């Protein structure tokens, strides 16, 4: 089995920053996608950012480009989501997910095989 554990969620004022971490027990595929999804109350789950672990390539949703950065520490099998200039609409539960690079479009939920438990982010005005 593969375990993904998110941490770093919390409450922040609009314009502030948070850094989320996702620690993986292992990477299950030869080429892995690690992605961040978020879900606000009453809204659909949406892809926020992704990183191709072996390649280093990153992907971002348009809504967070220029504000969020995803990165990795391969030795720690950990990915990060640095969130800057946070807006109230960024609030929600953030999930880390792992899937195969060959699974298709990075933002497609069905691509991902493993999910973390989620960490909550609150942004106050």
PDB file of N, CA and C in Angstrom:
ATOM      1  N   UNK A   1       0.823  -1.196   0.000  1.00  0.00           N
ATOM      2  CA  UNK A   1       0.000   0.000   0.000  1.00  0.00           C
ATOM      3  C   UNK A   1       0.864   1.254   0.000  1.00  0.00           C
ATOM      4  N   UNK A   2       0.247   2.347  -0.409  1.00  0.00           N
ATOM      5  CA  UNK A   2       0.893   3.643  -0.436  1.00  0.00           C
ATOM      6  C   UNK A   2       0.115   4.577   0.472  1.00  0.00           C
ATOM      7  N   UNK A   3       0.828   5.232   1.364  1.00  0.00           N
ATOM      8  CA  UNK A   3       0.207   6.206   2.245  1.00  0.00           C
ATOM      9  C   UNK A   3       0.687   7.606   1.886  1.00  0.00           C
ATOM     10  N   UNK A   4      -0.248   8.517   1.815  1.00  0.00           N
ATOM     11  CA  UNK A   4       0.040   9.918   1.593  1.00  0.00           C
ATOM     12  C   UNK A   4      -0.496  10.697   2.780  1.00  0.00           C
ATOM     13  N   UNK A   5       0.334  11.547   3.348  1.00  0.00           N
ATOM     14  CA  UNK A   5      -0.049  12.303   4.528  1.00  0.00           C
ATOM     15  C   UNK A   5       0.192  13.775   4.276  1.00  0.00           C
ATOM     16  N   UNK A   6      -0.879  14.554   4.309  1.00  0.00           N
ATOM     17  CA  UNK A   6      -0.778  15.999   4.143  1.00  0.00           C
ATOM     18  C   UNK A   6      -0.617  16.671   5.497  1.00  0.00           C
ATOM     19  N   UNK A   7       0.042  17.803   5.473  1.00  0.00           N
ATOM     20  CA  UNK A   7       0.161  18.626   6.661  1.00  0.00           C
ATOM     21  C   UNK A   7       0.364  20.069   6.238  1.00  0.00           C
ATOM     22  N   UNK A   8       0.246  20.960   7.186  1.00  0.00           N
ATOM     23  CA  UNK A   8       0.521  22.363   6.937  1.00  0.00           C
ATOM     24  C   UNK A   8      -0.695  23.244   6.772  1.00  0.00           C
ATOM     25  N   UNK A   9      -1.869  22.657   6.789  1.00  0.00           N
ATOM     26  CA  UNK A   9      -3.069  23.464   6.689  1.00  0.00           C
ATOM     27  C   UNK A   9      -3.258  24.330   7.919  1.00  0.00           C
ATOM     28  N   UNK A  10      -4.064  25.337   7.769  1.00  0.00           N
ATOM     29  CA  UNK A  10      -4.322  26.240   8.868  1.00  0.00           C
ATOM     30  C   UNK A  10      -5.151  27.406   8.423  1.00  0.00           C
ATOM     31  N   UNK A  11      -5.164  28.416   9.254  1.00  0.00           N
ATOM     32  CA  UNK A  11      -5.933  29.619   9.002  1.00  0.00           C
ATOM     33  C   UNK A  11      -4.993  30.784   8.735  1.00  0.00           C
ATOM     34  N   UNK A  12      -5.310  31.550   7.719  1.00  0.00           N
ATOM     35  CA  UNK A  12      -4.462  32.666   7.332  1.00  0.00           C
ATOM     36  C   UNK A  12      -5.324  33.818   6.833  1.00  0.00           C
ATOM     37  N   UNK A  13      -4.821  35.012   6.981  1.00  0.00           N
ATOM     38  CA  UNK A  13      -5.494  36.184   6.438  1.00  0.00           C
ATOM     39  C   UNK A  13      -5.301  36.249   4.933  1.00  0.00           C
ATOM     40  N   UNK A  14      -6.263  36.839   4.252  1.00  0.00           N
ATOM     41  CA  UNK A  14      -6.113  37.065   2.822  1.00  0.00           C
ATOM     42  C   UNK A  14      -4.808  37.805   2.549  1.00  0.00           C
ATOM     43  N   UNK A  15      -4.106  37.349   1.530  1.00  0.00           N
ATOM     44  CA  UNK A  15      -2.806  37.907   1.213  1.00  0.00           C
ATOM     45  C   UNK A  15      -1.650  37.178   1.867  1.00  0.00           C
ATOM     46  N   UNK A  16      -1.954  36.303   2.798  1.00  0.00           N
ATOM     47  CA  UNK A  16      -0.930  35.559   3.495  1.00  0.00           C
ATOM     48  C   UNK A  16      -0.500  34.315   2.750  1.00  0.00           C
ATOM     49  N   UNK A  17       0.327  33.524   3.419  1.00  0.00           N
ATOM     50  CA  UNK A  17       0.923  32.351   2.797  1.00  0.00           C
ATOM     51  C   UNK A  17       0.823  31.135   3.699  1.00  0.00           C
ATOM     52  N   UNK A  18       0.790  29.987   3.073  1.00  0.00           N
ATOM     53  CA  UNK A  18       0.882  28.708   3.748  1.00  0.00           C
ATOM     54  C   UNK A  18       1.695  27.769   2.881  1.00  0.00           C
ATOM     55  N   UNK A  19       2.340  26.819   3.516  1.00  0.00           N
ATOM     56  CA  UNK A  19       3.014  25.766   2.787  1.00  0.00           C
ATOM     57  C   UNK A  19       2.466  24.425   3.230  1.00  0.00           C
ATOM     58  N   UNK A  20       1.923  23.687   2.295  1.00  0.00           N
ATOM     59  CA  UNK A  20       1.422  22.362   2.554  1.00  0.00           C
ATOM     60  C   UNK A  20       2.474  21.332   2.179  1.00  0.00           C
ATOM     61  N   UNK A  21       2.475  20.244   2.911  1.00  0.00           N
ATOM     62  CA  UNK A  21       3.382  19.142   2.630  1.00  0.00           C
ATOM     63  C   UNK A  21       2.590  17.868   2.410  1.00  0.00           C
ATOM     64  N   UNK A  22       3.096  17.034   1.540  1.00  0.00           N
ATOM     65  CA  UNK A  22       2.534  15.711   1.319  1.00  0.00           C
ATOM     66  C   UNK A  22       3.676  14.722   1.352  1.00  0.00           C
ATOM     67  N   UNK A  23       3.657  13.871   2.340  1.00  0.00           N
ATOM     68  CA  UNK A  23       4.703  12.877   2.504  1.00  0.00           C
ATOM     69  C   UNK A  23       4.192  11.522   2.040  1.00  0.00           C
ATOM     70  N   UNK A  24       4.940  10.887   1.159  1.00  0.00           N
ATOM     71  CA  UNK A  24       4.560   9.594   0.605  1.00  0.00           C
ATOM     72  C   UNK A  24       5.412   8.489   1.209  1.00  0.00           C
ATOM     73  N   UNK A  25       4.783   7.389   1.534  1.00  0.00           N
ATOM     74  CA  UNK A  25       5.537   6.235   2.003  1.00  0.00           C
ATOM     75  C   UNK A  25       6.427   5.677   0.904  1.00  0.00           C
ATOM     76  N   UNK A  26       5.964   5.759  -0.290  1.00  0.00           N
ATOM     77  CA  UNK A  26       6.732   5.392  -1.465  1.00  0.00           C
ATOM     78  C   UNK A  26       6.019   5.924  -2.693  1.00  0.00           C
ATOM     79  N   UNK A  27       6.735   5.979  -3.789  1.00  0.00           N
ATOM     80  CA  UNK A  27       6.134   6.323  -5.066  1.00  0.00           C
ATOM     81  C   UNK A  27       5.857   5.035  -5.813  1.00  0.00           C
ATOM     82  N   UNK A  28       4.619   4.779  -6.129  1.00  0.00           N
ATOM     83  CA  UNK A  28       4.249   3.440  -6.612  1.00  0.00           C
ATOM     84  C   UNK A  28       4.556   3.147  -8.069  1.00  0.00           C
ATOM     85  N   UNK A  29       4.782   4.160  -8.877  1.00  0.00           N
ATOM     86  CA  UNK A  29       4.954   3.960 -10.308  1.00  0.00           C
ATOM     87  C   UNK A  29       6.363   4.328 -10.754  1.00  0.00           C
ATOM     88  N   UNK A  30       6.713   3.846 -11.927  1.00  0.00           N
ATOM     89  CA  UNK A  30       8.011   4.200 -12.486  1.00  0.00           C
ATOM     90  C   UNK A  30       8.072   5.688 -12.820  1.00  0.00           C
ATOM     91  N   UNK A  31       6.944   6.230 -13.207  1.00  0.00           N
ATOM     92  CA  UNK A  31       6.807   7.660 -13.439  1.00  0.00           C
ATOM     93  C   UNK A  31       5.538   8.119 -12.730  1.00  0.00           C
ATOM     94  N   UNK A  32       5.716   9.026 -11.790  1.00  0.00           N
ATOM     95  CA  UNK A  32       4.638   9.389 -10.891  1.00  0.00           C
ATOM     96  C   UNK A  32       4.185  10.828 -11.062  1.00  0.00           C
ATOM     97  N   UNK A  33       2.898  11.013 -10.952  1.00  0.00           N
ATOM     98  CA  UNK A  33       2.298  12.327 -10.822  1.00  0.00           C
ATOM     99  C   UNK A  33       1.815  12.494  -9.391  1.00  0.00           C
ATOM    100  N   UNK A  34       2.227  13.557  -8.764  1.00  0.00           N
ATOM    101  CA  UNK A  34       1.705  13.945  -7.463  1.00  0.00           C
ATOM    102  C   UNK A  34       0.971  15.250  -7.647  1.00  0.00           C
ATOM    103  N   UNK A  35      -0.276  15.270  -7.255  1.00  0.00           N
ATOM    104  CA  UNK A  35      -1.101  16.440  -7.501  1.00  0.00           C
ATOM    105  C   UNK A  35      -1.801  16.899  -6.237  1.00  0.00           C
ATOM    106  N   UNK A  36      -2.144  18.167  -6.241  1.00  0.00           N
ATOM    107  CA  UNK A  36      -2.938  18.770  -5.187  1.00  0.00           C
ATOM    108  C   UNK A  36      -4.323  19.081  -5.723  1.00  0.00           C
ATOM    109  N   UNK A  37      -5.306  18.655  -4.993  1.00  0.00           N
ATOM    110  CA  UNK A  37      -6.694  18.984  -5.269  1.00  0.00           C
ATOM    111  C   UNK A  37      -7.259  19.722  -4.072  1.00  0.00           C
ATOM    112  N   UNK A  38      -8.278  20.495  -4.316  1.00  0.00           N
ATOM    113  CA  UNK A  38      -8.963  21.140  -3.207  1.00  0.00           C
ATOM    114  C   UNK A  38     -10.466  21.065  -3.417  1.00  0.00           C
ATOM    115  N   UNK A  39     -11.162  21.130  -2.321  1.00  0.00           N
ATOM    116  CA  UNK A  39     -12.604  21.090  -2.365  1.00  0.00           C
ATOM    117  C   UNK A  39     -13.164  22.026  -1.308  1.00  0.00           C
ATOM    118  N   UNK A  40     -13.899  22.994  -1.771  1.00  0.00           N
ATOM    119  CA  UNK A  40     -14.581  23.921  -0.880  1.00  0.00           C
ATOM    120  C   UNK A  40     -15.986  23.406  -0.609  1.00  0.00           C
ATOM    121  N   UNK A  41     -16.571  23.804   0.515  1.00  0.00           N
ATOM    122  CA  UNK A  41     -17.934  23.366   0.823  1.00  0.00           C
ATOM    123  C   UNK A  41     -18.900  23.697  -0.306  1.00  0.00           C
ATOM    124  N   UNK A  42     -19.665  22.710  -0.725  1.00  0.00           N
ATOM    125  CA  UNK A  42     -20.645  22.911  -1.767  1.00  0.00           C
ATOM    126  C   UNK A  42     -20.092  22.994  -3.171  1.00  0.00           C
ATOM    127  N   UNK A  43     -18.800  22.780  -3.328  1.00  0.00           N
ATOM    128  CA  UNK A  43     -18.186  22.865  -4.641  1.00  0.00           C
ATOM    129  C   UNK A  43     -17.513  21.556  -5.014  1.00  0.00           C
ATOM    130  N   UNK A  44     -17.240  21.417  -6.284  1.00  0.00           N
ATOM    131  CA  UNK A  44     -16.587  20.229  -6.798  1.00  0.00           C
ATOM    132  C   UNK A  44     -15.104  20.232  -6.435  1.00  0.00           C
ATOM    133  N   UNK A  45     -14.539  19.049  -6.383  1.00  0.00           N
ATOM    134  CA  UNK A  45     -13.111  18.941  -6.186  1.00  0.00           C
ATOM    135  C   UNK A  45     -12.399  19.393  -7.452  1.00  0.00           C
ATOM    136  N   UNK A  46     -11.363  20.179  -7.291  1.00  0.00           N
ATOM    137  CA  UNK A  46     -10.652  20.700  -8.437  1.00  0.00           C
ATOM    138  C   UNK A  46      -9.152  20.522  -8.279  1.00  0.00           C
ATOM    139  N   UNK A  47      -8.509  20.255  -9.404  1.00  0.00           N
ATOM    140  CA  UNK A  47      -7.059  20.156  -9.427  1.00  0.00           C
ATOM    141  C   UNK A  47      -6.445  21.533  -9.268  1.00  0.00           C
ATOM    142  N   UNK A  48      -5.425  21.614  -8.445  1.00  0.00           N
ATOM    143  CA  UNK A  48      -4.748  22.868  -8.165  1.00  0.00           C
ATOM    144  C   UNK A  48      -3.358  22.901  -8.789  1.00  0.00           C
ATOM    145  N   UNK A  49      -2.590  21.862  -8.566  1.00  0.00           N
ATOM    146  CA  UNK A  49      -1.224  21.796  -9.060  1.00  0.00           C
ATOM    147  C   UNK A  49      -0.787  20.353  -9.134  1.00  0.00           C
ATOM    148  N   UNK A  50       0.177  20.089  -9.979  1.00  0.00           N
ATOM    149  CA  UNK A  50       0.724  18.760 -10.097  1.00  0.00           C
ATOM    150  C   UNK A  50       2.200  18.813 -10.393  1.00  0.00           C
ATOM    151  N   UNK A  51       2.875  17.750 -10.049  1.00  0.00           N
ATOM    152  CA  UNK A  51       4.298  17.654 -10.334  1.00  0.00           C
ATOM    153  C   UNK A  51       4.634  16.249 -10.793  1.00  0.00           C
ATOM    154  N   UNK A  52       5.365  16.185 -11.883  1.00  0.00           N
ATOM    155  CA  UNK A  52       5.895  14.916 -12.367  1.00  0.00           C
ATOM    156  C   UNK A  52       7.175  14.646 -11.584  1.00  0.00           C
ATOM    157  N   UNK A  53       7.112  13.671 -10.707  1.00  0.00           N
ATOM    158  CA  UNK A  53       8.175  13.457  -9.731  1.00  0.00           C
ATOM    159  C   UNK A  53       9.528  13.245 -10.388  1.00  0.00           C
ATOM    160  N   UNK A  54       9.594  12.369 -11.340  1.00  0.00           N
ATOM    161  CA  UNK A  54      10.879  12.020 -11.952  1.00  0.00           C
ATOM    162  C   UNK A  54      11.364  13.087 -12.921  1.00  0.00           C
ATOM    163  N   UNK A  55      10.461  13.804 -13.522  1.00  0.00           N
ATOM    164  CA  UNK A  55      10.812  14.814 -14.516  1.00  0.00           C
ATOM    165  C   UNK A  55      10.979  16.203 -13.922  1.00  0.00           C
ATOM    166  N   UNK A  56      10.233  16.491 -12.868  1.00  0.00           N
ATOM    167  CA  UNK A  56      10.253  17.815 -12.282  1.00  0.00           C
ATOM    168  C   UNK A  56       9.296  18.809 -12.903  1.00  0.00           C
ATOM    169  N   UNK A  57       8.633  18.413 -13.945  1.00  0.00           N
ATOM    170  CA  UNK A  57       7.667  19.297 -14.600  1.00  0.00           C
ATOM    171  C   UNK A  57       6.490  19.565 -13.672  1.00  0.00           C
ATOM    172  N   UNK A  58       6.004  20.773 -13.705  1.00  0.00           N
ATOM    173  CA  UNK A  58       4.867  21.152 -12.881  1.00  0.00           C
ATOM    174  C   UNK A  58       3.710  21.638 -13.731  1.00  0.00           C
ATOM    175  N   UNK A  59       2.527  21.531 -13.169  1.00  0.00           N
ATOM    176  CA  UNK A  59       1.304  21.994 -13.808  1.00  0.00           C
ATOM    177  C   UNK A  59       0.501  22.769 -12.775  1.00  0.00           C
ATOM    178  N   UNK A  60      -0.262  23.750 -13.257  1.00  0.00           N
ATOM    179  CA  UNK A  60      -1.064  24.569 -12.365  1.00  0.00           C
ATOM    180  C   UNK A  60      -2.405  24.895 -12.985  1.00  0.00           C
ATOM    181  N   UNK A  61      -3.382  24.966 -12.125  1.00  0.00           N
ATOM    182  CA  UNK A  61      -4.652  25.502 -12.551  1.00  0.00           C
ATOM    183  C   UNK A  61      -4.507  26.995 -12.815  1.00  0.00           C
ATOM    184  N   UNK A  62      -5.263  27.498 -13.767  1.00  0.00           N
ATOM    185  CA  UNK A  62      -5.178  28.915 -14.096  1.00  0.00           C
ATOM    186  C   UNK A  62      -5.427  29.809 -12.881  1.00  0.00           C
ATOM    187  N   UNK A  63      -6.285  29.371 -12.000  1.00  0.00           N
ATOM    188  CA  UNK A  63      -6.673  30.191 -10.871  1.00  0.00           C
ATOM    189  C   UNK A  63      -5.552  30.421  -9.860  1.00  0.00           C
ATOM    190  N   UNK A  64      -4.504  29.604  -9.917  1.00  0.00           N
ATOM    191  CA  UNK A  64      -3.425  29.729  -8.939  1.00  0.00           C
ATOM    192  C   UNK A  64      -2.083  30.049  -9.566  1.00  0.00           C
ATOM    193  N   UNK A  65      -2.026  30.136 -10.868  1.00  0.00           N
ATOM    194  CA  UNK A  65      -0.760  30.433 -11.538  1.00  0.00           C
ATOM    195  C   UNK A  65      -0.199  31.765 -11.056  1.00  0.00           C
ATOM    196  N   UNK A  66       1.080  31.759 -10.763  1.00  0.00           N
ATOM    197  CA  UNK A  66       1.737  32.952 -10.274  1.00  0.00           C
ATOM    198  C   UNK A  66       1.661  33.129  -8.775  1.00  0.00           C
ATOM    199  N   UNK A  67       0.809  32.366  -8.116  1.00  0.00           N
ATOM    200  CA  UNK A  67       0.660  32.462  -6.671  1.00  0.00           C
ATOM    201  C   UNK A  67       1.099  31.195  -5.941  1.00  0.00           C
ATOM    202  N   UNK A  68       0.839  30.059  -6.552  1.00  0.00           N
ATOM    203  CA  UNK A  68       1.173  28.776  -5.936  1.00  0.00           C
ATOM    204  C   UNK A  68       2.352  28.147  -6.651  1.00  0.00           C
ATOM    205  N   UNK A  69       3.152  27.428  -5.903  1.00  0.00           N
ATOM    206  CA  UNK A  69       4.269  26.689  -6.459  1.00  0.00           C
ATOM    207  C   UNK A  69       4.325  25.313  -5.822  1.00  0.00           C
ATOM    208  N   UNK A  70       4.409  24.292  -6.643  1.00  0.00           N
ATOM    209  CA  UNK A  70       4.593  22.952  -6.112  1.00  0.00           C
ATOM    210  C   UNK A  70       6.022  22.504  -6.388  1.00  0.00           C
ATOM    211  N   UNK A  71       6.591  21.827  -5.433  1.00  0.00           N
ATOM    212  CA  UNK A  71       7.972  21.391  -5.528  1.00  0.00           C
ATOM    213  C   UNK A  71       8.131  20.086  -4.770  1.00  0.00           C
ATOM    214  N   UNK A  72       9.330  19.559  -4.769  1.00  0.00           N
ATOM    215  CA  UNK A  72       9.553  18.281  -4.118  1.00  0.00           C
ATOM    216  C   UNK A  72      10.910  18.208  -3.468  1.00  0.00           C
ATOM    217  N   UNK A  73      10.995  17.345  -2.479  1.00  0.00           N
ATOM    218  CA  UNK A  73      12.251  16.905  -1.901  1.00  0.00           C
ATOM    219  C   UNK A  73      12.261  15.402  -2.110  1.00  0.00           C
ATOM    220  N   UNK A  74      12.980  14.970  -3.126  1.00  0.00           N
ATOM    221  CA  UNK A  74      12.914  13.576  -3.517  1.00  0.00           C
ATOM    222  C   UNK A  74      13.464  12.635  -2.441  1.00  0.00           C
ATOM    223  N   UNK A  75      14.493  13.094  -1.728  1.00  0.00           N
ATOM    224  CA  UNK A  75      15.071  12.271  -0.675  1.00  0.00           C
ATOM    225  C   UNK A  75      14.063  11.985   0.426  1.00  0.00           C
ATOM    226  N   UNK A  76      13.183  12.931   0.676  1.00  0.00           N
ATOM    227  CA  UNK A  76      12.162  12.777   1.708  1.00  0.00           C
ATOM    228  C   UNK A  76      10.857  12.222   1.170  1.00  0.00           C
ATOM    229  N   UNK A  77      10.784  12.024  -0.145  1.00  0.00           N
ATOM    230  CA  UNK A  77       9.546  11.595  -0.789  1.00  0.00           C
ATOM    231  C   UNK A  77       8.395  12.509  -0.366  1.00  0.00           C
ATOM    232  N   UNK A  78       8.667  13.781  -0.444  1.00  0.00           N
ATOM    233  CA  UNK A  78       7.716  14.790  -0.018  1.00  0.00           C
ATOM    234  C   UNK A  78       7.524  15.824  -1.112  1.00  0.00           C
ATOM    235  N   UNK A  79       6.283  16.193  -1.317  1.00  0.00           N
ATOM    236  CA  UNK A  79       5.969  17.293  -2.214  1.00  0.00           C
ATOM    237  C   UNK A  79       5.368  18.426  -1.409  1.00  0.00           C
ATOM    238  N   UNK A  80       5.528  19.627  -1.922  1.00  0.00           N
ATOM    239  CA  UNK A  80       5.085  20.814  -1.229  1.00  0.00           C
ATOM    240  C   UNK A  80       4.188  21.640  -2.127  1.00  0.00           C
ATOM    241  N   UNK A  81       3.318  22.360  -1.498  1.00  0.00           N
ATOM    242  CA  UNK A  81       2.535  23.361  -2.192  1.00  0.00           C
ATOM    243  C   UNK A  81       2.694  24.670  -1.438  1.00  0.00           C
ATOM    244  N   UNK A  82       3.480  25.559  -1.998  1.00  0.00           N
ATOM    245  CA  UNK A  82       3.661  26.884  -1.425  1.00  0.00           C
ATOM    246  C   UNK A  82       2.562  27.781  -1.965  1.00  0.00           C
ATOM    247  N   UNK A  83       1.757  28.296  -1.074  1.00  0.00           N
ATOM    248  CA  UNK A  83       0.615  29.104  -1.450  1.00  0.00           C
ATOM    249  C   UNK A  83       0.837  30.522  -0.959  1.00  0.00           C
ATOM    250  N   UNK A  84       0.954  31.435  -1.884  1.00  0.00           N
ATOM    251  CA  UNK A  84       1.148  32.842  -1.572  1.00  0.00           C
ATOM    252  C   UNK A  84      -0.044  33.658  -2.043  1.00  0.00           C
ATOM    253  N   UNK A  85      -0.148  34.853  -1.515  1.00  0.00           N
ATOM    254  CA  UNK A  85      -1.223  35.767  -1.895  1.00  0.00           C
ATOM    255  C   UNK A  85      -2.579  35.085  -1.832  1.00  0.00           C
ATOM    256  N   UNK A  86      -2.813  34.420  -0.732  1.00  0.00           N
ATOM    257  CA  UNK A  86      -4.031  33.631  -0.602  1.00  0.00           C
ATOM    258  C   UNK A  86      -5.280  34.497  -0.630  1.00  0.00           C
ATOM    259  N   UNK A  87      -6.292  33.958  -1.254  1.00  0.00           N
ATOM    260  CA  UNK A  87      -7.577  34.605  -1.385  1.00  0.00           C
ATOM    261  C   UNK A  87      -8.635  33.773  -0.674  1.00  0.00           C
ATOM    262  N   UNK A  88      -9.729  34.395  -0.274  1.00  0.00           N
ATOM    263  CA  UNK A  88     -10.792  33.613   0.366  1.00  0.00           C
ATOM    264  C   UNK A  88     -11.262  32.435  -0.486  1.00  0.00           C
ATOM    265  N   UNK A  89     -11.263  32.589  -1.783  1.00  0.00           N
ATOM    266  CA  UNK A  89     -11.701  31.508  -2.651  1.00  0.00           C
ATOM    267  C   UNK A  89     -10.720  30.342  -2.710  1.00  0.00           C
ATOM    268  N   UNK A  90      -9.546  30.501  -2.118  1.00  0.00           N
ATOM    269  CA  UNK A  90      -8.598  29.403  -2.018  1.00  0.00           C
ATOM    270  C   UNK A  90      -8.915  28.460  -0.865  1.00  0.00           C
ATOM    271  N   UNK A  91      -9.825  28.833  -0.018  1.00  0.00           N
ATOM    272  CA  UNK A  91     -10.135  28.033   1.158  1.00  0.00           C
ATOM    273  C   UNK A  91     -10.763  26.700   0.771  1.00  0.00           C
ATOM    274  N   UNK A  92     -10.523  25.715   1.588  1.00  0.00           N
ATOM    275  CA  UNK A  92     -11.089  24.403   1.366  1.00  0.00           C
ATOM    276  C   UNK A  92     -10.198  23.330   1.946  1.00  0.00           C
ATOM    277  N   UNK A  93     -10.565  22.111   1.682  1.00  0.00           N
ATOM    278  CA  UNK A  93      -9.747  20.979   2.088  1.00  0.00           C
ATOM    279  C   UNK A  93      -8.833  20.602   0.933  1.00  0.00           C
ATOM    280  N   UNK A  94      -7.561  20.553   1.208  1.00  0.00           N
ATOM    281  CA  UNK A  94      -6.567  20.233   0.195  1.00  0.00           C
ATOM    282  C   UNK A  94      -6.127  18.787   0.340  1.00  0.00           C
ATOM    283  N   UNK A  95      -6.105  18.101  -0.780  1.00  0.00           N
ATOM    284  CA  UNK A  95      -5.738  16.696  -0.822  1.00  0.00           C
ATOM    285  C   UNK A  95      -4.533  16.486  -1.713  1.00  0.00           C
ATOM    286  N   UNK A  96      -3.691  15.589  -1.310  1.00  0.00           N
ATOM    287  CA  UNK A  96      -2.590  15.123  -2.124  1.00  0.00           C
ATOM    288  C   UNK A  96      -2.986  13.794  -2.754  1.00  0.00           C
ATOM    289  N   UNK A  97      -2.628  13.611  -4.012  1.00  0.00           N
ATOM    290  CA  UNK A  97      -2.966  12.385  -4.719  1.00  0.00           C
ATOM    291  C   UNK A  97      -1.807  11.938  -5.583  1.00  0.00           C
ATOM    292  N   UNK A  98      -1.685  10.641  -5.752  1.00  0.00           N
ATOM    293  CA  UNK A  98      -0.613  10.057  -6.553  1.00  0.00           C
ATOM    294  C   UNK A  98      -1.183   9.171  -7.641  1.00  0.00           C
ATOM    295  N   UNK A  99      -0.607   9.275  -8.813  1.00  0.00           N
ATOM    296  CA  UNK A  99      -1.013   8.453  -9.937  1.00  0.00           C
ATOM    297  C   UNK A  99       0.126   8.271 -10.903  1.00  0.00           C
ATOM    298  N   UNK A 100      -0.148   7.565 -11.967  1.00  0.00           N
ATOM    299  CA  UNK A 100       0.849   7.308 -12.994  1.00  0.00           C
ATOM    300  C   UNK A 100       0.907   8.449 -13.997  1.00  0.00           C
ATOM    301  N   UNK A 101       2.108   8.789 -14.390  1.00  0.00           N
ATOM    302  CA  UNK A 101       2.320   9.772 -15.442  1.00  0.00           C
ATOM    303  C   UNK A 101       1.571   9.407 -16.710  1.00  0.00           C
ATOM    304  N   UNK A 102       1.396   8.134 -16.923  1.00  0.00           N
ATOM    305  CA  UNK A 102       0.788   7.658 -18.155  1.00  0.00           C
ATOM    306  C   UNK A 102      -0.731   7.560 -18.086  1.00  0.00           C
ATOM    307  N   UNK A 103      -1.304   8.071 -17.021  1.00  0.00           N
ATOM    308  CA  UNK A 103      -2.727   7.927 -16.812  1.00  0.00           C
ATOM    309  C   UNK A 103      -3.599   8.876 -17.603  1.00  0.00           C
ATOM    310  N   UNK A 104      -3.024   9.940 -18.125  1.00  0.00           N
ATOM    311  CA  UNK A 104      -3.800  10.898 -18.893  1.00  0.00           C
ATOM    312  C   UNK A 104      -3.588  12.324 -18.417  1.00  0.00           C
ATOM    313  N   UNK A 105      -4.594  13.148 -18.619  1.00  0.00           N
ATOM    314  CA  UNK A 105      -4.531  14.550 -18.236  1.00  0.00           C
ATOM    315  C   UNK A 105      -4.311  14.687 -16.736  1.00  0.00           C
ATOM    316  N   UNK A 106      -3.357  15.530 -16.358  1.00  0.00           N
ATOM    317  CA  UNK A 106      -2.942  15.601 -14.967  1.00  0.00           C
ATOM    318  C   UNK A 106      -4.058  15.997 -14.017  1.00  0.00           C
ATOM    319  N   UNK A 107      -4.997  16.778 -14.505  1.00  0.00           N
ATOM    320  CA  UNK A 107      -6.047  17.306 -13.649  1.00  0.00           C
ATOM    321  C   UNK A 107      -7.270  16.397 -13.531  1.00  0.00           C
ATOM    322  N   UNK A 108      -7.225  15.264 -14.155  1.00  0.00           N
ATOM    323  CA  UNK A 108      -8.353  14.342 -14.132  1.00  0.00           C
ATOM    324  C   UNK A 108      -8.322  13.512 -12.849  1.00  0.00           C
ATOM    325  N   UNK A 109      -9.372  13.621 -12.087  1.00  0.00           N
ATOM    326  CA  UNK A 109      -9.433  12.942 -10.791  1.00  0.00           C
ATOM    327  C   UNK A 109      -9.218  11.441 -10.925  1.00  0.00           C
ATOM    328  N   UNK A 110      -9.781  10.860 -11.969  1.00  0.00           N
ATOM    329  CA  UNK A 110      -9.723   9.414 -12.134  1.00  0.00           C
ATOM    330  C   UNK A 110      -8.317   8.895 -12.376  1.00  0.00           C
ATOM    331  N   UNK A 111      -7.386   9.763 -12.686  1.00  0.00           N
ATOM    332  CA  UNK A 111      -6.000   9.355 -12.887  1.00  0.00           C
ATOM    333  C   UNK A 111      -5.356   8.860 -11.595  1.00  0.00           C
ATOM    334  N   UNK A 112      -5.837   9.362 -10.484  1.00  0.00           N
ATOM    335  CA  UNK A 112      -5.118   9.163  -9.239  1.00  0.00           C
ATOM    336  C   UNK A 112      -5.600   7.947  -8.459  1.00  0.00           C
ATOM    337  N   UNK A 113      -4.636   7.163  -8.050  1.00  0.00           N
ATOM    338  CA  UNK A 113      -4.894   5.896  -7.381  1.00  0.00           C
ATOM    339  C   UNK A 113      -4.888   6.024  -5.864  1.00  0.00           C
ATOM    340  N   UNK A 114      -4.061   6.910  -5.356  1.00  0.00           N
ATOM    341  CA  UNK A 114      -3.881   7.055  -3.920  1.00  0.00           C
ATOM    342  C   UNK A 114      -4.151   8.482  -3.500  1.00  0.00           C
ATOM    343  N   UNK A 115      -4.772   8.612  -2.347  1.00  0.00           N
ATOM    344  CA  UNK A 115      -5.156   9.919  -1.822  1.00  0.00           C
ATOM    345  C   UNK A 115      -4.803  10.046  -0.359  1.00  0.00           C
ATOM    346  N   UNK A 116      -4.423  11.243   0.027  1.00  0.00           N
ATOM    347  CA  UNK A 116      -4.226  11.537   1.424  1.00  0.00           C
ATOM    348  C   UNK A 116      -5.534  11.866   2.109  1.00  0.00           C
ATOM    349  N   UNK A 117      -5.447  12.155   3.384  1.00  0.00           N
ATOM    350  CA  UNK A 117      -6.639  12.394   4.188  1.00  0.00           C
ATOM    351  C   UNK A 117      -7.157  13.818   4.086  1.00  0.00           C
ATOM    352  N   UNK A 118      -6.343  14.711   3.590  1.00  0.00           N
ATOM    353  CA  UNK A 118      -6.732  16.092   3.439  1.00  0.00           C
ATOM    354  C   UNK A 118      -6.278  16.966   4.588  1.00  0.00           C
ATOM    355  N   UNK A 119      -6.057  18.221   4.292  1.00  0.00           N
ATOM    356  CA  UNK A 119      -5.727  19.209   5.299  1.00  0.00           C
ATOM    357  C   UNK A 119      -6.493  20.482   4.984  1.00  0.00           C
ATOM    358  N   UNK A 120      -7.042  21.098   6.009  1.00  0.00           N
ATOM    359  CA  UNK A 120      -7.955  22.206   5.805  1.00  0.00           C
ATOM    360  C   UNK A 120      -7.224  23.540   5.767  1.00  0.00           C
ATOM    361  N   UNK A 121      -7.645  24.365   4.828  1.00  0.00           N
ATOM    362  CA  UNK A 121      -7.108  25.711   4.679  1.00  0.00           C
ATOM    363  C   UNK A 121      -8.252  26.699   4.787  1.00  0.00           C
ATOM    364  N   UNK A 122      -8.099  27.646   5.675  1.00  0.00           N
ATOM    365  CA  UNK A 122      -9.076  28.703   5.848  1.00  0.00           C
ATOM    366  C   UNK A 122      -8.417  30.039   5.554  1.00  0.00           C
ATOM    367  N   UNK A 123      -9.084  30.865   4.777  1.00  0.00           N
ATOM    368  CA  UNK A 123      -8.570  32.186   4.433  1.00  0.00           C
ATOM    369  C   UNK A 123      -9.623  33.210   4.807  1.00  0.00           C
ATOM    370  N   UNK A 124      -9.277  34.094   5.709  1.00  0.00           N
ATOM    371  CA  UNK A 124     -10.210  35.105   6.167  1.00  0.00           C
ATOM    372  C   UNK A 124      -9.952  36.430   5.462  1.00  0.00           C
ATOM    373  N   UNK A 125     -11.024  37.181   5.263  1.00  0.00           N
ATOM    374  CA  UNK A 125     -10.928  38.470   4.595  1.00  0.00           C
ATOM    375  C   UNK A 125     -10.383  39.536   5.519  1.00  0.00           C
TER     376      UNK A 125
END
